[in-house]
C-alpha atoms as a PDB file:
ATOM      1  CA  MET A   1      -5.377   3.927  33.030  1.00  0.00           C
ATOM      2  CA  GLU A   2      -6.220   1.383  30.333  1.00  0.00           C
ATOM      3  CA  ALA A   3      -8.558   3.827  28.584  1.00  0.00           C
ATOM      4  CA  PHE A   4      -5.801   6.443  28.554  1.00  0.00           C
ATOM      5  CA  GLU A   5      -3.323   3.997  27.032  1.00  0.00           C
ATOM      6  CA  GLU A   6      -5.857   3.005  24.401  1.00  0.00           C
ATOM      7  CA  SER A   7      -6.545   6.652  23.582  1.00  0.00           C
ATOM      8  CA  ALA A   8      -2.826   7.353  23.340  1.00  0.00           C
ATOM      9  CA  ALA A   9      -2.361   4.417  20.975  1.00  0.00           C
ATOM     10  CA  ILE A  10      -5.221   5.636  18.798  1.00  0.00           C
ATOM     11  CA  GLU A  11      -3.725   9.122  18.742  1.00  0.00           C
ATOM     12  CA  VAL A  12      -0.360   7.756  17.613  1.00  0.00           C
ATOM     13  CA  GLU A  13      -2.047   5.756  14.848  1.00  0.00           C
ATOM     14  CA  LEU A  14      -4.041   8.766  13.671  1.00  0.00           C
ATOM     15  CA  GLU A  15      -0.945  10.968  13.637  1.00  0.00           C
ATOM     16  CA  ALA A  16       0.888   8.381  11.533  1.00  0.00           C
ATOM     17  CA  ARG A  17      -2.040   8.196   9.122  1.00  0.00           C
ATOM     18  CA  LEU A  18      -2.125  11.985   8.841  1.00  0.00           C
ATOM     19  CA  LEU A  19       1.565  11.997   7.923  1.00  0.00           C
ATOM     20  CA  GLU A  20       0.858   9.404   5.209  1.00  0.00           C
ATOM     21  CA  VAL A  21      -1.979  11.511   3.807  1.00  0.00           C
ATOM     22  CA  ASP A  22       0.143  14.666   3.896  1.00  0.00           C
ATOM     23  CA  ALA A  23       2.882  12.819   2.012  1.00  0.00           C
ATOM     24  CA  ALA A  24       0.360  11.644  -0.592  1.00  0.00           C
ATOM     25  CA  LEU A  25      -0.877  15.215  -1.043  1.00  0.00           C
ATOM     26  CA  ALA A  26       2.720  16.345  -1.539  1.00  0.00           C
ATOM     27  CA  ARG A  27       3.151  13.653  -4.211  1.00  0.00           C
ATOM     28  CA  ILE A  28       0.015  14.940  -5.937  1.00  0.00           C
ATOM     29  CA  ASP A  29       1.475  18.452  -5.932  1.00  0.00           C
ATOM     30  CA  ALA A  30       4.789  17.115  -7.254  1.00  0.00           C
ATOM     31  CA  GLY A  31       3.098  15.081  -9.979  1.00  0.00           C
ATOM     32  CA  THR A  32       4.413  11.792  -8.620  1.00  0.00           C
ATOM     33  CA  TYR A  33       1.256  10.437  -7.012  1.00  0.00           C
ATOM     34  CA  GLY A  34       0.586   6.875  -8.099  1.00  0.00           C
ATOM     35  CA  VAL A  35       4.238   6.210  -8.901  1.00  0.00           C
ATOM     36  CA  CYS A  36       6.185   3.769  -6.722  1.00  0.00           C
ATOM     37  CA  ARG A  37       8.901   5.624  -4.852  1.00  0.00           C
ATOM     38  CA  ILE A  38      11.181   2.578  -5.081  1.00  0.00           C
ATOM     39  CA  CYS A  39      10.932   1.315  -8.653  1.00  0.00           C
ATOM     40  CA  GLY A  40       9.228   4.236 -10.386  1.00  0.00           C
ATOM     41  CA  GLU A  41       6.495   2.050 -11.855  1.00  0.00           C
ATOM     42  CA  LYS A  42       2.813   2.906 -11.696  1.00  0.00           C
ATOM     43  CA  ILE A  43       1.122   1.827  -8.457  1.00  0.00           C
ATOM     44  CA  GLU A  44      -1.695  -0.625  -9.113  1.00  0.00           C
ATOM     45  CA  GLY A  45      -5.186   0.862  -9.082  1.00  0.00           C
ATOM     46  CA  ALA A  46      -6.430  -1.758  -6.635  1.00  0.00           C
ATOM     47  CA  ARG A  47      -3.640  -0.816  -4.228  1.00  0.00           C
ATOM     48  CA  LEU A  48      -4.522   2.860  -4.417  1.00  0.00           C
ATOM     49  CA  GLU A  49      -8.196   2.038  -3.936  1.00  0.00           C
ATOM     50  CA  ALA A  50      -7.334   0.062  -0.807  1.00  0.00           C
ATOM     51  CA  ASN A  51      -4.826   2.644   0.442  1.00  0.00           C
ATOM     52  CA  PRO A  52      -4.913   5.967  -1.415  1.00  0.00           C
ATOM     53  CA  SER A  53      -1.785   7.159   0.382  1.00  0.00           C
ATOM     54  CA  ALA A  54       0.333   4.139  -0.607  1.00  0.00           C
ATOM     55  CA  PRO A  55       3.793   5.330  -1.650  1.00  0.00           C
ATOM     56  CA  THR A  56       4.841   2.050  -3.258  1.00  0.00           C
ATOM     57  CA  CYS A  57       3.546  -0.623  -5.588  1.00  0.00           C
ATOM     58  CA  ILE A  58       2.427  -3.984  -4.238  1.00  0.00           C
ATOM     59  CA  ALA A  59       5.840  -5.527  -4.902  1.00  0.00           C
ATOM     60  CA  HIS A  60       7.496  -2.918  -2.684  1.00  0.00           C
ATOM     61  CA  ARG A  61       4.838  -2.481  -0.017  1.00  0.00           C
ATOM     62  CA  GLU A  62       6.020  -1.985   3.520  1.00  0.00           C
ATOM     63  CA  GLY A  63       5.006  -4.286   6.338  1.00  0.00           C
END
C-alpha cells in the first residue's frame, strides 16, 4: 500500500508540474512569458533558469 501511495503522490506532483509547463507555453504564445503576472516586471533570468515555468518574479514567488 505504501508504494501505491508514493506513486499516487508522484503522479499528483507530475500533473501539477505539467499544468505549470502548459501555462508557461500559453504565456509564450501570448507574448507574456518572462513577465511577472502580479507586478508586470521582467522575471529575473536566474529565476527562469531555476524554474522556466515561473509565473512571477522573485519578489512575488509563491510558497
